């Protein structure tokens, strides 16, 4: 693909976050793409799971139907009506096709918002390049995330190719549940990979994420062996009732230990993003469950010990 073709390629982006220091080395700009191949119960970005823009409703910002009726007058499907509490009600079974284009734009208080809009690679990289000085001084760059960024294969690959032409260092956050050929092509334009492995047991993985782990584990192995000089950070979110135990973490640590270009990090469970489920009219499947912050460090120490011992042999 030529640079011109890549710059014109479009995709759905739901956020561009600047000044991140947790998603790759240095100071980074994260580009969040819509669409995912999994549906994890604890997902903190539920607005990313669909491959198209999502209409969200923040009742706290709604002026109320006594003073405003612009949204249900604007909706071409009749999906928005007056609710008994003086706010609005959305019939999401009717809310299809326009992605909130009419009602959200009609809302004067931003009670209705759209997660995701169409942008070109050129538009995205124009924002990313605004902080080039921070990247050069810190060793940072651009990280594409999601959702699963490689769900939008053509858009993600075009963005990585064009970033490389502009000498922007790149990273990707992936669950690995995409065709190997896609990961292979992306890897040639990446400086770092953040790769999630959530569980080694296939049945548990499918029950909690909605997808099997067979392709994920195979892709991880192939990535680590095919690109031995590519730094890979394997990450596991520690989820209560799912993998917050020594057996689960031991299995992952033993699997990744043979690959010297792989490091390992456990991510403590958090409930950030749960409010967005309300905005989207969805239920947060994890309920009110919590996990003490003290639960993760001992598991991290166990994993580090296992990996170190296997690599010393």
C-alpha atoms as a PDB file:
ATOM      1  CA  UNK A   1       0.000   0.000   0.000  1.00  0.00           C
ATOM      2  CA  UNK A   2       1.225   3.503  -0.813  1.00  0.00           C
ATOM      3  CA  UNK A   3       1.439   6.252   1.776  1.00  0.00           C
ATOM      4  CA  UNK A   4      -1.418   8.094   0.082  1.00  0.00           C
ATOM      5  CA  UNK A   5      -3.675   5.036   0.231  1.00  0.00           C
ATOM      6  CA  UNK A   6      -2.806   4.391   3.882  1.00  0.00           C
ATOM      7  CA  UNK A   7      -3.457   8.009   4.873  1.00  0.00           C
ATOM      8  CA  UNK A   8      -6.930   7.849   3.303  1.00  0.00           C
ATOM      9  CA  UNK A   9      -7.894   4.562   4.999  1.00  0.00           C
ATOM     10  CA  UNK A  10     -10.687   5.073   7.530  1.00  0.00           C
ATOM     11  CA  UNK A  11     -11.877   3.302  10.661  1.00  0.00           C
ATOM     12  CA  UNK A  12     -13.974   3.795  13.795  1.00  0.00           C
ATOM     13  CA  UNK A  13     -12.165   5.448  16.736  1.00  0.00           C
ATOM     14  CA  UNK A  14     -13.813   6.007  20.110  1.00  0.00           C
ATOM     15  CA  UNK A  15     -11.018   7.843  21.918  1.00  0.00           C
ATOM     16  CA  UNK A  16      -7.536   9.291  21.552  1.00  0.00           C
ATOM     17  CA  UNK A  17      -5.819   9.599  24.923  1.00  0.00           C
ATOM     18  CA  UNK A  18      -2.657  11.631  25.341  1.00  0.00           C
ATOM     19  CA  UNK A  19       0.117  11.493  27.948  1.00  0.00           C
ATOM     20  CA  UNK A  20      -0.262   7.827  28.906  1.00  0.00           C
ATOM     21  CA  UNK A  21       2.644   6.148  30.721  1.00  0.00           C
ATOM     22  CA  UNK A  22       1.099   2.726  31.310  1.00  0.00           C
ATOM     23  CA  UNK A  23       0.630   1.310  27.819  1.00  0.00           C
ATOM     24  CA  UNK A  24       4.149   0.959  26.495  1.00  0.00           C
ATOM     25  CA  UNK A  25       7.480   2.669  27.197  1.00  0.00           C
ATOM     26  CA  UNK A  26       7.732   6.422  27.616  1.00  0.00           C
ATOM     27  CA  UNK A  27       4.976   8.967  27.135  1.00  0.00           C
ATOM     28  CA  UNK A  28       2.416   7.705  24.651  1.00  0.00           C
ATOM     29  CA  UNK A  29      -0.752   8.599  22.811  1.00  0.00           C
ATOM     30  CA  UNK A  30      -3.289   5.761  22.804  1.00  0.00           C
ATOM     31  CA  UNK A  31      -5.684   5.381  19.892  1.00  0.00           C
ATOM     32  CA  UNK A  32      -8.718   3.311  20.885  1.00  0.00           C
ATOM     33  CA  UNK A  33     -10.472   1.486  18.045  1.00  0.00           C
ATOM     34  CA  UNK A  34     -13.999   0.067  18.091  1.00  0.00           C
ATOM     35  CA  UNK A  35     -14.591  -3.667  17.793  1.00  0.00           C
ATOM     36  CA  UNK A  36     -13.483  -6.738  19.723  1.00  0.00           C
ATOM     37  CA  UNK A  37     -13.448 -10.500  19.192  1.00  0.00           C
ATOM     38  CA  UNK A  38     -14.107 -11.156  22.898  1.00  0.00           C
ATOM     39  CA  UNK A  39     -16.694  -9.966  25.423  1.00  0.00           C
ATOM     40  CA  UNK A  40     -14.921 -10.173  28.793  1.00  0.00           C
ATOM     41  CA  UNK A  41     -17.209  -9.905  31.805  1.00  0.00           C
ATOM     42  CA  UNK A  42     -14.972  -7.272  33.432  1.00  0.00           C
ATOM     43  CA  UNK A  43     -14.290  -5.167  30.323  1.00  0.00           C
ATOM     44  CA  UNK A  44     -13.660  -1.550  31.275  1.00  0.00           C
ATOM     45  CA  UNK A  45     -14.337  -0.338  27.729  1.00  0.00           C
ATOM     46  CA  UNK A  46     -17.745  -1.846  26.908  1.00  0.00           C
ATOM     47  CA  UNK A  47     -18.285   0.847  24.303  1.00  0.00           C
ATOM     48  CA  UNK A  48     -15.438  -0.735  22.331  1.00  0.00           C
ATOM     49  CA  UNK A  49     -16.942  -4.192  21.927  1.00  0.00           C
ATOM     50  CA  UNK A  50     -19.157  -3.358  18.972  1.00  0.00           C
ATOM     51  CA  UNK A  51     -17.563  -2.663  15.636  1.00  0.00           C
ATOM     52  CA  UNK A  52     -19.764   0.360  15.045  1.00  0.00           C
ATOM     53  CA  UNK A  53     -20.446   3.564  17.048  1.00  0.00           C
ATOM     54  CA  UNK A  54     -22.506   3.167  20.237  1.00  0.00           C
ATOM     55  CA  UNK A  55     -25.204   5.505  21.541  1.00  0.00           C
ATOM     56  CA  UNK A  56     -24.840   6.261  25.258  1.00  0.00           C
ATOM     57  CA  UNK A  57     -27.249   8.043  27.594  1.00  0.00           C
ATOM     58  CA  UNK A  58     -26.090   9.940  30.690  1.00  0.00           C
ATOM     59  CA  UNK A  59     -29.283  10.645  32.631  1.00  0.00           C
ATOM     60  CA  UNK A  60     -27.421  13.008  34.944  1.00  0.00           C
ATOM     61  CA  UNK A  61     -26.859  15.427  32.086  1.00  0.00           C
ATOM     62  CA  UNK A  62     -30.358  15.144  30.631  1.00  0.00           C
ATOM     63  CA  UNK A  63     -32.362  18.364  30.981  1.00  0.00           C
ATOM     64  CA  UNK A  64     -35.602  16.396  31.202  1.00  0.00           C
ATOM     65  CA  UNK A  65     -38.589  16.091  28.911  1.00  0.00           C
ATOM     66  CA  UNK A  66     -40.427  18.933  30.653  1.00  0.00           C
ATOM     67  CA  UNK A  67     -37.918  21.360  29.188  1.00  0.00           C
ATOM     68  CA  UNK A  68     -36.575  19.554  26.131  1.00  0.00           C
ATOM     69  CA  UNK A  69     -37.851  17.047  23.571  1.00  0.00           C
ATOM     70  CA  UNK A  70     -35.312  17.490  20.820  1.00  0.00           C
ATOM     71  CA  UNK A  71     -33.912  13.955  20.933  1.00  0.00           C
ATOM     72  CA  UNK A  72     -37.130  12.007  20.456  1.00  0.00           C
ATOM     73  CA  UNK A  73     -38.274  14.464  17.844  1.00  0.00           C
ATOM     74  CA  UNK A  74     -34.959  13.931  16.001  1.00  0.00           C
ATOM     75  CA  UNK A  75     -34.941  10.125  16.187  1.00  0.00           C
ATOM     76  CA  UNK A  76     -36.113   8.699  12.838  1.00  0.00           C
ATOM     77  CA  UNK A  77     -36.886   5.271  14.355  1.00  0.00           C
ATOM     78  CA  UNK A  78     -39.093   6.428  17.248  1.00  0.00           C
ATOM     79  CA  UNK A  79     -36.682   4.692  19.631  1.00  0.00           C
ATOM     80  CA  UNK A  80     -36.667   7.551  22.180  1.00  0.00           C
ATOM     81  CA  UNK A  81     -39.743   8.352  24.261  1.00  0.00           C
ATOM     82  CA  UNK A  82     -40.636  10.135  27.482  1.00  0.00           C
ATOM     83  CA  UNK A  83     -40.034   8.159  30.657  1.00  0.00           C
ATOM     84  CA  UNK A  84     -42.073   8.272  33.869  1.00  0.00           C
ATOM     85  CA  UNK A  85     -39.215   9.921  35.774  1.00  0.00           C
ATOM     86  CA  UNK A  86     -39.220  12.952  33.499  1.00  0.00           C
ATOM     87  CA  UNK A  87     -36.169  11.758  31.579  1.00  0.00           C
ATOM     88  CA  UNK A  88     -36.093   9.662  28.401  1.00  0.00           C
ATOM     89  CA  UNK A  89     -36.324   5.973  27.587  1.00  0.00           C
ATOM     90  CA  UNK A  90     -34.446   4.324  24.711  1.00  0.00           C
ATOM     91  CA  UNK A  91     -35.732   1.214  22.978  1.00  0.00           C
ATOM     92  CA  UNK A  92     -32.384  -0.123  21.795  1.00  0.00           C
ATOM     93  CA  UNK A  93     -34.071  -2.826  19.706  1.00  0.00           C
ATOM     94  CA  UNK A  94     -35.210   0.024  17.440  1.00  0.00           C
ATOM     95  CA  UNK A  95     -31.977   1.992  17.746  1.00  0.00           C
ATOM     96  CA  UNK A  96     -30.240   0.633  14.663  1.00  0.00           C
ATOM     97  CA  UNK A  97     -28.702   2.028  11.537  1.00  0.00           C
ATOM     98  CA  UNK A  98     -27.985   5.676  12.321  1.00  0.00           C
ATOM     99  CA  UNK A  99     -25.613   5.136  15.296  1.00  0.00           C
ATOM    100  CA  UNK A 100     -27.140   8.025  17.241  1.00  0.00           C
ATOM    101  CA  UNK A 101     -26.306  10.498  14.507  1.00  0.00           C
ATOM    102  CA  UNK A 102     -29.559  12.443  14.803  1.00  0.00           C
ATOM    103  CA  UNK A 103     -30.529  12.282  18.484  1.00  0.00           C
ATOM    104  CA  UNK A 104     -27.046  12.825  19.946  1.00  0.00           C
ATOM    105  CA  UNK A 105     -26.409  15.805  17.716  1.00  0.00           C
ATOM    106  CA  UNK A 106     -29.773  17.255  18.721  1.00  0.00           C
ATOM    107  CA  UNK A 107     -29.091  16.964  22.469  1.00  0.00           C
ATOM    108  CA  UNK A 108     -28.072  20.399  23.870  1.00  0.00           C
ATOM    109  CA  UNK A 109     -26.715  19.042  27.187  1.00  0.00           C
ATOM    110  CA  UNK A 110     -24.687  16.070  25.889  1.00  0.00           C
ATOM    111  CA  UNK A 111     -26.939  13.699  27.770  1.00  0.00           C
ATOM    112  CA  UNK A 112     -26.777  11.600  24.613  1.00  0.00           C
ATOM    113  CA  UNK A 113     -23.314  10.936  23.256  1.00  0.00           C
ATOM    114  CA  UNK A 114     -21.793   8.659  20.619  1.00  0.00           C
ATOM    115  CA  UNK A 115     -18.856   6.404  21.381  1.00  0.00           C
ATOM    116  CA  UNK A 116     -16.957   6.179  18.122  1.00  0.00           C
ATOM    117  CA  UNK A 117     -16.681   8.124  14.892  1.00  0.00           C
ATOM    118  CA  UNK A 118     -15.103   7.603  11.500  1.00  0.00           C
ATOM    119  CA  UNK A 119     -11.605   9.002  11.098  1.00  0.00           C
ATOM    120  CA  UNK A 120      -8.867   8.612   8.539  1.00  0.00           C
ATOM    121  CA  UNK A 121      -5.322   7.530   9.316  1.00  0.00           C
ATOM    122  CA  UNK A 122      -4.201  11.044   8.424  1.00  0.00           C
ATOM    123  CA  UNK A 123      -6.632  12.596  10.918  1.00  0.00           C
ATOM    124  CA  UNK A 124      -5.501  10.278  13.711  1.00  0.00           C
ATOM    125  CA  UNK A 125      -1.775  10.718  13.110  1.00  0.00           C
ATOM    126  CA  UNK A 126      -2.173  14.470  12.927  1.00  0.00           C
ATOM    127  CA  UNK A 127      -3.285  14.335  16.578  1.00  0.00           C
ATOM    128  CA  UNK A 128      -0.580  11.825  17.512  1.00  0.00           C
ATOM    129  CA  UNK A 129       2.164  13.995  16.005  1.00  0.00           C
ATOM    130  CA  UNK A 130       1.195  16.948  18.184  1.00  0.00           C
ATOM    131  CA  UNK A 131       3.208  15.385  21.019  1.00  0.00           C
ATOM    132  CA  UNK A 132       6.223  14.224  19.007  1.00  0.00           C
ATOM    133  CA  UNK A 133       8.585  16.146  21.293  1.00  0.00           C
ATOM    134  CA  UNK A 134       7.465  14.057  24.274  1.00  0.00           C
ATOM    135  CA  UNK A 135       8.007  10.818  22.362  1.00  0.00           C
ATOM    136  CA  UNK A 136      11.558  11.701  21.356  1.00  0.00           C
ATOM    137  CA  UNK A 137      12.558  12.651  24.908  1.00  0.00           C
ATOM    138  CA  UNK A 138      10.890   9.709  26.686  1.00  0.00           C
ATOM    139  CA  UNK A 139      11.169   6.912  24.128  1.00  0.00           C
ATOM    140  CA  UNK A 140       7.402   6.907  23.746  1.00  0.00           C
ATOM    141  CA  UNK A 141       5.100   6.931  20.752  1.00  0.00           C
ATOM    142  CA  UNK A 142       1.698   5.679  19.663  1.00  0.00           C
ATOM    143  CA  UNK A 143      -0.160   2.688  21.086  1.00  0.00           C
ATOM    144  CA  UNK A 144      -3.241   1.358  19.327  1.00  0.00           C
ATOM    145  CA  UNK A 145      -5.744  -0.293  21.602  1.00  0.00           C
ATOM    146  CA  UNK A 146      -9.431  -1.119  21.819  1.00  0.00           C
ATOM    147  CA  UNK A 147     -11.385  -3.321  21.999  1.00  0.00           C
ATOM    148  CA  UNK A 148      -9.129  -5.410  19.853  1.00  0.00           C
ATOM    149  CA  UNK A 149      -7.389  -2.988  17.467  1.00  0.00           C
ATOM    150  CA  UNK A 150      -6.704  -5.679  14.887  1.00  0.00           C
ATOM    151  CA  UNK A 151     -10.472  -6.268  14.624  1.00  0.00           C
ATOM    152  CA  UNK A 152     -10.287  -3.354  12.170  1.00  0.00           C
ATOM    153  CA  UNK A 153      -7.458  -5.008  10.299  1.00  0.00           C
ATOM    154  CA  UNK A 154      -7.012  -2.691   7.312  1.00  0.00           C
ATOM    155  CA  UNK A 155      -7.294   0.490   9.377  1.00  0.00           C
ATOM    156  CA  UNK A 156      -4.882  -0.690  12.092  1.00  0.00           C
ATOM    157  CA  UNK A 157      -2.279  -1.932   9.624  1.00  0.00           C
ATOM    158  CA  UNK A 158      -2.471   1.261   7.563  1.00  0.00           C
ATOM    159  CA  UNK A 159      -1.987   3.320  10.729  1.00  0.00           C
ATOM    160  CA  UNK A 160       1.066   1.286  11.757  1.00  0.00           C
ATOM    161  CA  UNK A 161       2.634   1.517   8.304  1.00  0.00           C
ATOM    162  CA  UNK A 162       2.142   5.267   8.073  1.00  0.00           C
ATOM    163  CA  UNK A 163       3.405   5.797  11.635  1.00  0.00           C
ATOM    164  CA  UNK A 164       6.568   3.909  10.711  1.00  0.00           C
ATOM    165  CA  UNK A 165       7.061   6.156   7.679  1.00  0.00           C
ATOM    166  CA  UNK A 166       6.831   9.155  10.026  1.00  0.00           C
ATOM    167  CA  UNK A 167       9.301   7.575  12.485  1.00  0.00           C
ATOM    168  CA  UNK A 168       6.718   7.288  15.252  1.00  0.00           C
ATOM    169  CA  UNK A 169       7.462   4.354  17.544  1.00  0.00           C
ATOM    170  CA  UNK A 170       4.480   2.035  17.780  1.00  0.00           C
ATOM    171  CA  UNK A 171       2.958  -0.449  20.195  1.00  0.00           C
ATOM    172  CA  UNK A 172      -0.237  -2.464  20.236  1.00  0.00           C
ATOM    173  CA  UNK A 173      -2.470  -3.852  22.961  1.00  0.00           C
ATOM    174  CA  UNK A 174      -3.978  -7.094  21.715  1.00  0.00           C
ATOM    175  CA  UNK A 175      -5.834 -10.127  23.007  1.00  0.00           C
ATOM    176  CA  UNK A 176      -4.376 -12.088  20.100  1.00  0.00           C
ATOM    177  CA  UNK A 177      -7.717 -13.513  18.972  1.00  0.00           C
ATOM    178  CA  UNK A 178      -7.315 -12.630  15.297  1.00  0.00           C
ATOM    179  CA  UNK A 179      -5.814 -14.502  12.324  1.00  0.00           C
ATOM    180  CA  UNK A 180      -2.075 -15.112  12.604  1.00  0.00           C
ATOM    181  CA  UNK A 181      -1.450 -13.420   9.244  1.00  0.00           C
ATOM    182  CA  UNK A 182      -2.832 -10.163  10.673  1.00  0.00           C
ATOM    183  CA  UNK A 183      -0.562 -10.292  13.727  1.00  0.00           C
ATOM    184  CA  UNK A 184       2.396 -11.232  11.557  1.00  0.00           C
ATOM    185  CA  UNK A 185       1.877  -8.247   9.266  1.00  0.00           C
ATOM    186  CA  UNK A 186       1.395  -5.890  12.212  1.00  0.00           C
ATOM    187  CA  UNK A 187       4.533  -7.143  13.980  1.00  0.00           C
ATOM    188  CA  UNK A 188       6.736  -5.961  11.130  1.00  0.00           C
ATOM    189  CA  UNK A 189       5.739  -2.377  11.950  1.00  0.00           C
ATOM    190  CA  UNK A 190       5.791  -2.580  15.756  1.00  0.00           C
ATOM    191  CA  UNK A 191       8.377  -1.654  18.359  1.00  0.00           C
ATOM    192  CA  UNK A 192       6.493  -3.224  21.266  1.00  0.00           C
ATOM    193  CA  UNK A 193       3.594  -5.614  21.822  1.00  0.00           C
ATOM    194  CA  UNK A 194       1.352  -5.798  24.869  1.00  0.00           C
ATOM    195  CA  UNK A 195      -0.330  -9.190  24.638  1.00  0.00           C
ATOM    196  CA  UNK A 196      -3.031 -10.383  27.053  1.00  0.00           C
ATOM    197  CA  UNK A 197      -3.188 -13.992  28.201  1.00  0.00           C
ATOM    198  CA  UNK A 198      -6.086 -14.347  30.598  1.00  0.00           C
ATOM    199  CA  UNK A 199      -6.251 -18.089  31.353  1.00  0.00           C
ATOM    200  CA  UNK A 200      -4.712 -21.350  30.160  1.00  0.00           C
ATOM    201  CA  UNK A 201      -7.890 -23.408  30.611  1.00  0.00           C
ATOM    202  CA  UNK A 202      -9.972 -23.175  27.454  1.00  0.00           C
ATOM    203  CA  UNK A 203     -13.352 -23.838  29.097  1.00  0.00           C
ATOM    204  CA  UNK A 204     -12.803 -21.166  31.760  1.00  0.00           C
ATOM    205  CA  UNK A 205     -11.550 -18.720  29.170  1.00  0.00           C
ATOM    206  CA  UNK A 206     -14.618 -19.208  26.988  1.00  0.00           C
ATOM    207  CA  UNK A 207     -17.038 -18.920  29.921  1.00  0.00           C
ATOM    208  CA  UNK A 208     -15.571 -15.601  31.101  1.00  0.00           C
ATOM    209  CA  UNK A 209     -14.564 -13.946  27.834  1.00  0.00           C
ATOM    210  CA  UNK A 210     -16.963 -15.402  25.288  1.00  0.00           C
ATOM    211  CA  UNK A 211     -14.167 -16.902  23.215  1.00  0.00           C
ATOM    212  CA  UNK A 212     -11.752 -19.812  23.226  1.00  0.00           C
ATOM    213  CA  UNK A 213      -8.033 -19.361  23.906  1.00  0.00           C
ATOM    214  CA  UNK A 214      -6.636 -21.866  21.391  1.00  0.00           C
ATOM    215  CA  UNK A 215      -5.836 -19.312  18.694  1.00  0.00           C
ATOM    216  CA  UNK A 216      -4.648 -16.787  21.297  1.00  0.00           C
ATOM    217  CA  UNK A 217      -2.050 -19.138  22.759  1.00  0.00           C
ATOM    218  CA  UNK A 218      -0.914 -20.318  19.340  1.00  0.00           C
ATOM    219  CA  UNK A 219      -0.547 -16.741  18.117  1.00  0.00           C
ATOM    220  CA  UNK A 220       1.454 -15.824  21.210  1.00  0.00           C
ATOM    221  CA  UNK A 221       3.857 -18.711  20.649  1.00  0.00           C
ATOM    222  CA  UNK A 222       4.272 -17.910  16.964  1.00  0.00           C
ATOM    223  CA  UNK A 223       4.794 -14.203  17.654  1.00  0.00           C
ATOM    224  CA  UNK A 224       7.452 -14.834  20.308  1.00  0.00           C
ATOM    225  CA  UNK A 225       9.364 -17.293  18.134  1.00  0.00           C
ATOM    226  CA  UNK A 226       8.982 -15.618  14.731  1.00  0.00           C
ATOM    227  CA  UNK A 227      10.004 -12.197  16.063  1.00  0.00           C
ATOM    228  CA  UNK A 228      12.602 -12.969  18.769  1.00  0.00           C
ATOM    229  CA  UNK A 229      13.879  -9.385  18.863  1.00  0.00           C
ATOM    230  CA  UNK A 230      10.435  -7.828  19.362  1.00  0.00           C
ATOM    231  CA  UNK A 231       9.821  -6.955  23.039  1.00  0.00           C
ATOM    232  CA  UNK A 232       6.555  -8.520  24.218  1.00  0.00           C
ATOM    233  CA  UNK A 233       4.884  -7.664  27.506  1.00  0.00           C
ATOM    234  CA  UNK A 234       2.455 -10.423  28.414  1.00  0.00           C
ATOM    235  CA  UNK A 235      -0.276  -9.130  30.720  1.00  0.00           C
ATOM    236  CA  UNK A 236      -2.924 -10.839  32.801  1.00  0.00           C
ATOM    237  CA  UNK A 237      -5.776  -8.923  34.434  1.00  0.00           C
ATOM    238  CA  UNK A 238      -6.324 -10.580  37.814  1.00  0.00           C
ATOM    239  CA  UNK A 239     -10.076 -11.168  37.989  1.00  0.00           C
ATOM    240  CA  UNK A 240     -11.870 -12.385  41.148  1.00  0.00           C
ATOM    241  CA  UNK A 241     -13.350 -15.853  40.712  1.00  0.00           C
ATOM    242  CA  UNK A 242     -11.597 -16.361  37.379  1.00  0.00           C
ATOM    243  CA  UNK A 243      -7.819 -16.343  37.664  1.00  0.00           C
ATOM    244  CA  UNK A 244      -7.012 -14.811  41.067  1.00  0.00           C
ATOM    245  CA  UNK A 245      -5.231 -17.926  42.262  1.00  0.00           C
ATOM    246  CA  UNK A 246      -1.770 -19.462  42.145  1.00  0.00           C
ATOM    247  CA  UNK A 247      -2.755 -22.312  39.847  1.00  0.00           C
ATOM    248  CA  UNK A 248      -4.015 -20.039  37.080  1.00  0.00           C
ATOM    249  CA  UNK A 249      -1.051 -17.656  37.238  1.00  0.00           C
ATOM    250  CA  UNK A 250       1.440 -20.525  37.457  1.00  0.00           C
ATOM    251  CA  UNK A 251       0.056 -22.006  34.237  1.00  0.00           C
ATOM    252  CA  UNK A 252       0.530 -18.745  32.325  1.00  0.00           C
ATOM    253  CA  UNK A 253       3.988 -18.113  33.783  1.00  0.00           C
ATOM    254  CA  UNK A 254       5.171 -21.577  32.771  1.00  0.00           C
ATOM    255  CA  UNK A 255       3.784 -21.109  29.255  1.00  0.00           C
ATOM    256  CA  UNK A 256       5.605 -17.821  28.570  1.00  0.00           C
ATOM    257  CA  UNK A 257       8.846 -18.650  30.417  1.00  0.00           C
ATOM    258  CA  UNK A 258      10.654 -20.253  27.415  1.00  0.00           C
ATOM    259  CA  UNK A 259      10.615 -16.983  25.453  1.00  0.00           C
ATOM    260  CA  UNK A 260      13.428 -14.578  26.482  1.00  0.00           C
ATOM    261  CA  UNK A 261      11.872 -11.594  24.668  1.00  0.00           C
ATOM    262  CA  UNK A 262       8.760 -11.823  26.872  1.00  0.00           C
ATOM    263  CA  UNK A 263       8.204 -10.096  30.215  1.00  0.00           C
ATOM    264  CA  UNK A 264       5.160 -10.548  32.430  1.00  0.00           C
ATOM    265  CA  UNK A 265       2.861  -8.187  34.317  1.00  0.00           C
ATOM    266  CA  UNK A 266      -0.255  -8.782  36.375  1.00  0.00           C
ATOM    267  CA  UNK A 267      -2.910  -6.056  36.285  1.00  0.00           C
ATOM    268  CA  UNK A 268      -4.986  -5.558  39.459  1.00  0.00           C
ATOM    269  CA  UNK A 269      -8.747  -5.796  39.022  1.00  0.00           C
ATOM    270  CA  UNK A 270     -10.581  -2.476  39.056  1.00  0.00           C
ATOM    271  CA  UNK A 271     -14.128  -1.313  38.513  1.00  0.00           C
ATOM    272  CA  UNK A 272     -13.323   1.689  36.335  1.00  0.00           C
ATOM    273  CA  UNK A 273     -15.712   1.947  33.442  1.00  0.00           C
ATOM    274  CA  UNK A 274     -18.708   0.336  35.163  1.00  0.00           C
ATOM    275  CA  UNK A 275     -20.725   3.547  34.782  1.00  0.00           C
ATOM    276  CA  UNK A 276     -20.477   3.189  31.020  1.00  0.00           C
ATOM    277  CA  UNK A 277     -22.545   0.002  31.203  1.00  0.00           C
ATOM    278  CA  UNK A 278     -25.414   2.106  32.582  1.00  0.00           C
ATOM    279  CA  UNK A 279     -24.917   4.634  29.808  1.00  0.00           C
ATOM    280  CA  UNK A 280     -25.181   1.832  27.243  1.00  0.00           C
ATOM    281  CA  UNK A 281     -28.217   0.217  28.875  1.00  0.00           C
ATOM    282  CA  UNK A 282     -26.216  -2.892  29.796  1.00  0.00           C
ATOM    283  CA  UNK A 283     -25.618  -4.850  32.977  1.00  0.00           C
ATOM    284  CA  UNK A 284     -22.110  -5.131  34.430  1.00  0.00           C
ATOM    285  CA  UNK A 285     -21.718  -8.899  34.779  1.00  0.00           C
ATOM    286  CA  UNK A 286     -19.166  -8.724  37.603  1.00  0.00           C
ATOM    287  CA  UNK A 287     -21.755  -7.163  39.893  1.00  0.00           C
ATOM    288  CA  UNK A 288     -20.341  -5.642  43.078  1.00  0.00           C
ATOM    289  CA  UNK A 289     -17.486  -8.117  43.484  1.00  0.00           C
ATOM    290  CA  UNK A 290     -14.135  -6.650  44.497  1.00  0.00           C
ATOM    291  CA  UNK A 291     -10.566  -7.838  44.949  1.00  0.00           C
ATOM    292  CA  UNK A 292      -8.170  -6.492  47.594  1.00  0.00           C
ATOM    293  CA  UNK A 293      -5.160  -4.636  46.192  1.00  0.00           C
ATOM    294  CA  UNK A 294      -2.965  -6.895  48.305  1.00  0.00           C
ATOM    295  CA  UNK A 295      -4.029  -9.962  46.275  1.00  0.00           C
ATOM    296  CA  UNK A 296      -1.970  -9.181  43.174  1.00  0.00           C
ATOM    297  CA  UNK A 297       1.625  -8.637  44.466  1.00  0.00           C
ATOM    298  CA  UNK A 298       2.041 -12.208  45.848  1.00  0.00           C
ATOM    299  CA  UNK A 299       0.845 -13.638  42.522  1.00  0.00           C
ATOM    300  CA  UNK A 300       3.266 -11.390  40.643  1.00  0.00           C
ATOM    301  CA  UNK A 301       6.100 -12.587  42.897  1.00  0.00           C
ATOM    302  CA  UNK A 302       5.128 -16.206  42.221  1.00  0.00           C
ATOM    303  CA  UNK A 303       5.112 -15.640  38.461  1.00  0.00           C
ATOM    304  CA  UNK A 304       8.485 -13.856  38.540  1.00  0.00           C
ATOM    305  CA  UNK A 305       9.996 -16.721  40.517  1.00  0.00           C
ATOM    306  CA  UNK A 306       8.692 -19.354  38.086  1.00  0.00           C
ATOM    307  CA  UNK A 307       9.908 -17.488  35.004  1.00  0.00           C
ATOM    308  CA  UNK A 308      13.301 -16.746  36.518  1.00  0.00           C
ATOM    309  CA  UNK A 309      13.836 -20.357  37.615  1.00  0.00           C
ATOM    310  CA  UNK A 310      12.947 -21.764  34.188  1.00  0.00           C
ATOM    311  CA  UNK A 311      15.186 -19.330  32.343  1.00  0.00           C
ATOM    312  CA  UNK A 312      18.168 -20.068  34.559  1.00  0.00           C
ATOM    313  CA  UNK A 313      18.113 -23.758  33.642  1.00  0.00           C
END
